[in-house]
N, C-alpha and C. Protein backbone atom coordinates (compact mmCIF):
# COMPACT_ATOMS: atom_id res chain seq x y z
N MET A 1 -28.41 -33.98 -8.40
CA MET A 1 -27.08 -34.39 -8.01
C MET A 1 -26.05 -33.29 -8.24
N GLY A 2 -26.32 -32.35 -9.14
CA GLY A 2 -25.39 -31.25 -9.26
C GLY A 2 -24.75 -31.15 -10.62
N ASP A 3 -23.73 -30.30 -10.69
CA ASP A 3 -23.07 -30.01 -11.95
C ASP A 3 -22.09 -31.12 -12.33
N ALA A 4 -21.87 -31.23 -13.63
CA ALA A 4 -20.90 -32.21 -14.12
C ALA A 4 -19.49 -31.74 -13.81
N LYS A 5 -18.66 -32.68 -13.32
CA LYS A 5 -17.24 -32.39 -13.17
C LYS A 5 -16.61 -32.71 -14.51
N GLY A 6 -15.72 -31.88 -14.99
CA GLY A 6 -15.09 -32.09 -16.28
C GLY A 6 -15.78 -31.29 -17.36
N THR A 7 -15.12 -31.23 -18.51
CA THR A 7 -15.64 -30.46 -19.62
C THR A 7 -16.23 -31.34 -20.72
N GLY A 8 -16.09 -32.65 -20.60
CA GLY A 8 -16.65 -33.55 -21.60
C GLY A 8 -15.72 -33.87 -22.74
N SER A 9 -14.43 -33.54 -22.58
CA SER A 9 -13.44 -33.94 -23.59
C SER A 9 -12.77 -35.23 -23.09
N LYS A 10 -12.07 -35.92 -23.98
CA LYS A 10 -11.38 -37.15 -23.58
C LYS A 10 -10.34 -36.85 -22.51
N GLU A 11 -9.70 -35.69 -22.62
CA GLU A 11 -8.67 -35.31 -21.65
C GLU A 11 -9.26 -34.86 -20.31
N ASP A 12 -10.49 -34.39 -20.33
CA ASP A 12 -11.17 -33.89 -19.12
C ASP A 12 -12.63 -34.36 -19.14
N PRO A 13 -12.82 -35.68 -18.96
CA PRO A 13 -14.17 -36.24 -19.10
C PRO A 13 -15.10 -35.81 -17.98
N TRP A 14 -16.41 -35.93 -18.26
CA TRP A 14 -17.39 -35.74 -17.20
C TRP A 14 -17.26 -36.92 -16.25
N VAL A 15 -17.27 -36.66 -14.96
CA VAL A 15 -17.24 -37.71 -13.95
C VAL A 15 -18.63 -37.76 -13.34
N LEU A 16 -19.29 -38.92 -13.46
CA LEU A 16 -20.69 -39.06 -13.09
C LEU A 16 -20.90 -40.27 -12.19
N GLN A 17 -22.10 -40.35 -11.63
CA GLN A 17 -22.50 -41.52 -10.85
C GLN A 17 -23.80 -42.06 -11.40
N THR A 18 -23.97 -43.39 -11.33
CA THR A 18 -25.23 -44.00 -11.75
C THR A 18 -26.36 -43.43 -10.90
N PRO A 19 -27.62 -43.51 -11.37
CA PRO A 19 -28.73 -42.90 -10.62
C PRO A 19 -28.80 -43.28 -9.14
N PRO A 20 -28.57 -44.57 -8.78
CA PRO A 20 -28.61 -44.89 -7.34
C PRO A 20 -27.38 -44.40 -6.57
N GLY A 21 -26.36 -43.89 -7.30
CA GLY A 21 -25.14 -43.42 -6.64
C GLY A 21 -24.19 -44.52 -6.27
N THR A 22 -24.33 -45.70 -6.89
CA THR A 22 -23.52 -46.86 -6.50
C THR A 22 -22.24 -47.01 -7.29
N SER A 23 -22.16 -46.42 -8.48
CA SER A 23 -20.97 -46.57 -9.32
C SER A 23 -20.59 -45.25 -9.96
N GLU A 24 -19.28 -45.01 -10.04
CA GLU A 24 -18.78 -43.82 -10.72
C GLU A 24 -18.28 -44.22 -12.10
N TYR A 25 -18.44 -43.33 -13.06
CA TYR A 25 -17.98 -43.60 -14.42
C TYR A 25 -17.67 -42.28 -15.10
N GLN A 26 -17.08 -42.35 -16.28
CA GLN A 26 -16.70 -41.16 -17.02
C GLN A 26 -17.34 -41.17 -18.41
N MET A 27 -17.64 -39.99 -18.92
CA MET A 27 -18.16 -39.85 -20.28
C MET A 27 -17.47 -38.68 -20.96
N TRP A 28 -17.34 -38.78 -22.29
CA TRP A 28 -16.80 -37.67 -23.06
C TRP A 28 -17.32 -37.74 -24.49
N ARG A 29 -17.24 -36.58 -25.15
CA ARG A 29 -17.66 -36.47 -26.55
C ARG A 29 -16.50 -36.87 -27.46
N ASP A 30 -16.82 -37.64 -28.50
CA ASP A 30 -15.86 -37.93 -29.56
C ASP A 30 -16.51 -37.47 -30.86
N GLU A 31 -16.31 -36.20 -31.18
CA GLU A 31 -16.97 -35.61 -32.33
C GLU A 31 -16.30 -35.99 -33.64
N GLU A 32 -15.12 -36.61 -33.57
CA GLU A 32 -14.42 -37.06 -34.78
C GLU A 32 -14.91 -38.43 -35.23
N ALA A 33 -15.60 -39.16 -34.36
CA ALA A 33 -16.09 -40.50 -34.72
C ALA A 33 -17.18 -40.38 -35.78
N ASP A 34 -17.46 -41.49 -36.46
CA ASP A 34 -18.50 -41.52 -37.48
C ASP A 34 -19.46 -42.66 -37.16
N PRO A 35 -20.65 -42.38 -36.64
CA PRO A 35 -21.18 -41.05 -36.32
C PRO A 35 -20.54 -40.50 -35.03
N PRO A 36 -20.66 -39.18 -34.80
CA PRO A 36 -20.13 -38.61 -33.56
C PRO A 36 -20.65 -39.39 -32.35
N ALA A 37 -19.78 -39.63 -31.39
CA ALA A 37 -20.11 -40.53 -30.29
C ALA A 37 -20.02 -39.87 -28.92
N LEU A 38 -20.77 -40.45 -28.00
CA LEU A 38 -20.67 -40.17 -26.58
C LEU A 38 -20.05 -41.42 -25.98
N VAL A 39 -18.83 -41.32 -25.48
CA VAL A 39 -18.10 -42.47 -24.97
C VAL A 39 -18.30 -42.57 -23.46
N CYS A 40 -18.52 -43.78 -23.00
CA CYS A 40 -18.78 -44.04 -21.58
C CYS A 40 -17.77 -45.07 -21.09
N GLN A 41 -16.94 -44.70 -20.12
CA GLN A 41 -15.94 -45.60 -19.56
C GLN A 41 -16.40 -46.03 -18.17
N VAL A 42 -16.69 -47.32 -18.03
CA VAL A 42 -17.14 -47.88 -16.75
C VAL A 42 -16.14 -48.95 -16.35
N GLY A 43 -15.24 -48.60 -15.44
CA GLY A 43 -14.18 -49.54 -15.10
C GLY A 43 -13.35 -49.82 -16.34
N LYS A 44 -13.21 -51.11 -16.69
CA LYS A 44 -12.45 -51.47 -17.89
C LYS A 44 -13.32 -51.55 -19.13
N THR A 45 -14.62 -51.38 -18.97
CA THR A 45 -15.56 -51.49 -20.10
C THR A 45 -15.80 -50.13 -20.72
N GLN A 46 -15.72 -50.07 -22.04
CA GLN A 46 -16.01 -48.82 -22.74
C GLN A 46 -17.23 -49.02 -23.63
N LEU A 47 -18.24 -48.18 -23.42
CA LEU A 47 -19.45 -48.18 -24.22
C LEU A 47 -19.46 -46.91 -25.04
N SER A 48 -20.22 -46.88 -26.10
CA SER A 48 -20.38 -45.64 -26.84
C SER A 48 -21.79 -45.56 -27.41
N TYR A 49 -22.30 -44.35 -27.45
CA TYR A 49 -23.64 -44.06 -27.94
C TYR A 49 -23.54 -42.95 -28.98
N GLN A 50 -24.53 -42.88 -29.86
CA GLN A 50 -24.55 -41.75 -30.79
C GLN A 50 -24.65 -40.46 -30.00
N LEU A 51 -23.80 -39.50 -30.29
CA LEU A 51 -23.74 -38.25 -29.54
C LEU A 51 -25.09 -37.52 -29.54
N ARG A 52 -25.84 -37.67 -30.62
CA ARG A 52 -27.14 -36.99 -30.72
C ARG A 52 -28.13 -37.46 -29.66
N CYS A 53 -27.81 -38.53 -28.94
CA CYS A 53 -28.74 -39.03 -27.93
C CYS A 53 -29.02 -38.00 -26.85
N ILE A 54 -28.06 -37.09 -26.57
CA ILE A 54 -28.27 -36.08 -25.53
C ILE A 54 -29.42 -35.16 -25.94
N GLU A 55 -29.35 -34.62 -27.14
CA GLU A 55 -30.41 -33.72 -27.61
C GLU A 55 -31.72 -34.48 -27.83
N ASP A 56 -31.63 -35.69 -28.38
CA ASP A 56 -32.84 -36.47 -28.65
C ASP A 56 -33.60 -36.79 -27.36
N LEU A 57 -32.87 -37.23 -26.34
CA LEU A 57 -33.53 -37.59 -25.09
C LEU A 57 -34.14 -36.37 -24.43
N HIS A 58 -33.42 -35.25 -24.45
CA HIS A 58 -33.96 -34.03 -23.86
C HIS A 58 -35.23 -33.59 -24.59
N ALA A 59 -35.21 -33.65 -25.92
CA ALA A 59 -36.38 -33.27 -26.71
C ALA A 59 -37.55 -34.19 -26.43
N MET A 60 -37.28 -35.50 -26.30
CA MET A 60 -38.34 -36.45 -26.02
C MET A 60 -38.96 -36.17 -24.65
N LEU A 61 -38.13 -35.88 -23.67
CA LEU A 61 -38.64 -35.61 -22.33
C LEU A 61 -39.49 -34.34 -22.31
N LYS A 62 -39.05 -33.33 -23.04
CA LYS A 62 -39.82 -32.09 -23.10
C LYS A 62 -41.16 -32.32 -23.78
N ALA A 63 -41.17 -33.14 -24.82
CA ALA A 63 -42.39 -33.38 -25.59
C ALA A 63 -43.38 -34.25 -24.83
N GLU A 64 -42.88 -35.21 -24.07
CA GLU A 64 -43.76 -36.20 -23.46
C GLU A 64 -43.93 -36.04 -21.96
N GLY A 65 -43.24 -35.11 -21.35
CA GLY A 65 -43.34 -34.97 -19.90
C GLY A 65 -42.60 -36.10 -19.21
N ASP A 66 -43.04 -36.46 -18.01
CA ASP A 66 -42.36 -37.50 -17.25
C ASP A 66 -42.28 -38.79 -18.05
N SER A 67 -41.14 -39.43 -17.97
CA SER A 67 -40.93 -40.67 -18.71
C SER A 67 -40.11 -41.61 -17.86
N GLY A 68 -40.30 -42.91 -18.07
CA GLY A 68 -39.50 -43.89 -17.36
C GLY A 68 -38.23 -44.17 -18.13
N ALA A 69 -38.03 -45.40 -18.53
CA ALA A 69 -36.81 -45.78 -19.26
C ALA A 69 -36.72 -45.01 -20.57
N ALA A 70 -35.51 -44.68 -20.93
CA ALA A 70 -35.30 -43.93 -22.17
C ALA A 70 -35.70 -44.79 -23.37
N ARG A 71 -36.64 -44.30 -24.16
CA ARG A 71 -37.02 -44.99 -25.39
C ARG A 71 -36.14 -44.51 -26.51
N GLN A 72 -35.76 -45.42 -27.39
CA GLN A 72 -34.71 -45.09 -28.35
C GLN A 72 -35.24 -45.12 -29.78
N ARG A 73 -36.44 -44.64 -30.01
CA ARG A 73 -37.04 -44.75 -31.33
C ARG A 73 -36.55 -43.71 -32.31
N GLN A 74 -35.94 -42.63 -31.83
CA GLN A 74 -35.57 -41.54 -32.74
C GLN A 74 -34.59 -41.98 -33.82
N VAL A 75 -33.75 -42.95 -33.55
CA VAL A 75 -32.80 -43.40 -34.56
C VAL A 75 -33.22 -44.75 -35.13
N GLY A 76 -34.47 -45.13 -34.90
CA GLY A 76 -34.97 -46.38 -35.45
C GLY A 76 -34.33 -47.60 -34.82
N GLY A 77 -33.93 -47.50 -33.57
CA GLY A 77 -33.30 -48.63 -32.89
C GLY A 77 -32.46 -48.15 -31.73
N TRP A 78 -31.23 -48.60 -31.70
CA TRP A 78 -30.35 -48.33 -30.57
C TRP A 78 -29.44 -47.14 -30.82
N TYR A 79 -29.16 -46.40 -29.75
CA TYR A 79 -28.12 -45.36 -29.81
C TYR A 79 -26.75 -45.99 -29.60
N GLY A 80 -26.71 -47.14 -28.95
CA GLY A 80 -25.44 -47.80 -28.67
C GLY A 80 -24.72 -48.17 -29.95
N LEU A 81 -23.41 -47.93 -29.97
CA LEU A 81 -22.62 -48.16 -31.17
C LEU A 81 -21.77 -49.43 -31.10
N LYS A 82 -21.65 -50.05 -29.94
CA LYS A 82 -20.80 -51.22 -29.81
C LYS A 82 -21.66 -52.48 -29.80
N LYS A 83 -21.49 -53.31 -30.80
CA LYS A 83 -22.29 -54.52 -30.92
C LYS A 83 -22.11 -55.38 -29.68
N GLY A 84 -23.19 -55.85 -29.12
CA GLY A 84 -23.13 -56.66 -27.91
C GLY A 84 -23.09 -55.84 -26.63
N LEU A 85 -22.83 -54.54 -26.74
CA LEU A 85 -22.78 -53.66 -25.57
C LEU A 85 -23.63 -52.41 -25.84
N ARG A 86 -24.83 -52.61 -26.36
CA ARG A 86 -25.64 -51.47 -26.76
C ARG A 86 -26.56 -50.98 -25.65
N GLY A 87 -26.70 -51.76 -24.61
CA GLY A 87 -27.64 -51.41 -23.55
C GLY A 87 -27.06 -50.44 -22.54
N ARG A 88 -27.69 -50.40 -21.39
CA ARG A 88 -27.30 -49.57 -20.25
C ARG A 88 -27.48 -48.08 -20.52
N PHE A 89 -28.15 -47.74 -21.63
CA PHE A 89 -28.42 -46.35 -21.96
C PHE A 89 -29.13 -45.65 -20.80
N GLY A 90 -30.15 -46.29 -20.24
CA GLY A 90 -30.94 -45.71 -19.16
C GLY A 90 -30.17 -45.59 -17.85
N MET A 91 -29.04 -46.28 -17.74
CA MET A 91 -28.22 -46.20 -16.54
C MET A 91 -27.19 -45.07 -16.64
N TYR A 92 -26.61 -44.89 -17.83
CA TYR A 92 -25.47 -43.99 -17.95
C TYR A 92 -25.76 -42.63 -18.58
N VAL A 93 -26.75 -42.52 -19.45
CA VAL A 93 -27.01 -41.25 -20.12
C VAL A 93 -27.84 -40.28 -19.27
N PRO A 94 -28.90 -40.72 -18.57
CA PRO A 94 -29.68 -39.76 -17.77
C PRO A 94 -28.88 -38.96 -16.75
N PRO A 95 -27.91 -39.55 -16.01
CA PRO A 95 -27.14 -38.72 -15.08
C PRO A 95 -26.37 -37.59 -15.78
N LEU A 96 -25.97 -37.82 -17.03
CA LEU A 96 -25.29 -36.75 -17.77
C LEU A 96 -26.26 -35.62 -18.06
N LEU A 97 -27.49 -35.95 -18.48
CA LEU A 97 -28.48 -34.90 -18.73
C LEU A 97 -28.75 -34.10 -17.47
N GLU A 98 -28.80 -34.78 -16.33
CA GLU A 98 -29.02 -34.07 -15.07
C GLU A 98 -27.83 -33.15 -14.76
N ALA A 99 -26.63 -33.67 -14.93
CA ALA A 99 -25.44 -32.87 -14.63
C ALA A 99 -25.33 -31.66 -15.55
N LEU A 100 -25.82 -31.79 -16.78
CA LEU A 100 -25.78 -30.68 -17.72
C LEU A 100 -26.95 -29.72 -17.54
N GLY A 101 -27.83 -30.02 -16.57
CA GLY A 101 -28.95 -29.14 -16.28
C GLY A 101 -30.12 -29.30 -17.23
N LEU A 102 -30.18 -30.44 -17.95
CA LEU A 102 -31.24 -30.66 -18.92
C LEU A 102 -32.39 -31.50 -18.38
N ALA A 103 -32.19 -32.17 -17.25
CA ALA A 103 -33.23 -33.06 -16.71
C ALA A 103 -33.10 -33.16 -15.20
N GLU A 104 -34.20 -33.59 -14.59
CA GLU A 104 -34.21 -33.94 -13.17
C GLU A 104 -34.38 -35.45 -13.10
N LEU A 105 -33.63 -36.08 -12.22
CA LEU A 105 -33.58 -37.54 -12.15
C LEU A 105 -33.77 -38.01 -10.72
N GLU A 106 -34.56 -39.06 -10.54
CA GLU A 106 -34.68 -39.67 -9.22
C GLU A 106 -33.43 -40.49 -8.94
N HIS A 107 -33.16 -40.73 -7.66
CA HIS A 107 -31.95 -41.47 -7.28
C HIS A 107 -32.28 -42.60 -6.31
N ASN A 108 -33.28 -43.40 -6.69
CA ASN A 108 -33.66 -44.57 -5.92
C ASN A 108 -32.80 -45.76 -6.34
N PRO A 109 -32.87 -46.89 -5.60
CA PRO A 109 -32.08 -48.06 -5.98
C PRO A 109 -32.43 -48.57 -7.38
N ARG A 110 -33.69 -48.37 -7.84
CA ARG A 110 -34.08 -48.82 -9.18
C ARG A 110 -35.32 -48.07 -9.65
N ASN A 111 -35.65 -48.24 -10.93
CA ASN A 111 -36.85 -47.64 -11.55
C ASN A 111 -36.92 -46.13 -11.37
N ASN A 112 -35.81 -45.47 -11.62
CA ASN A 112 -35.77 -44.01 -11.48
C ASN A 112 -36.43 -43.33 -12.66
N ARG A 113 -37.27 -42.34 -12.37
CA ARG A 113 -37.92 -41.56 -13.41
C ARG A 113 -37.14 -40.27 -13.63
N MET A 114 -37.35 -39.67 -14.79
CA MET A 114 -36.70 -38.40 -15.07
C MET A 114 -37.66 -37.51 -15.82
N ARG A 115 -37.41 -36.22 -15.75
CA ARG A 115 -38.23 -35.26 -16.51
C ARG A 115 -37.33 -34.13 -16.96
N ALA A 116 -37.76 -33.49 -18.03
CA ALA A 116 -36.97 -32.38 -18.58
C ALA A 116 -36.98 -31.20 -17.64
N ARG A 117 -35.90 -30.44 -17.66
CA ARG A 117 -35.84 -29.18 -16.93
C ARG A 117 -36.23 -28.06 -17.84
């Protein structure tokens, strides 16, 4: 899909699209949060994930080769930080890895696979 628009700060967030290309959303780093967070703004909904998920997912993909849905075992559970809104990791984080040049992602309507670059 190409390079990420934005620098990944709150003032200049990454502008991304879901893997099927049906929805646009924004993400940015919040390194002052505890733990440091990756914030995802989808319309009026704001999700957040542990910032380390970017490196963890890339490392997992490199170690295991092609993978389907992102498995979240590295932190012993969920990367999502907002109770009740911890999911959608596989929808919103993989396009960021692709935009950052860390992964290749399929763009089908569903069940998209990804692999490390």
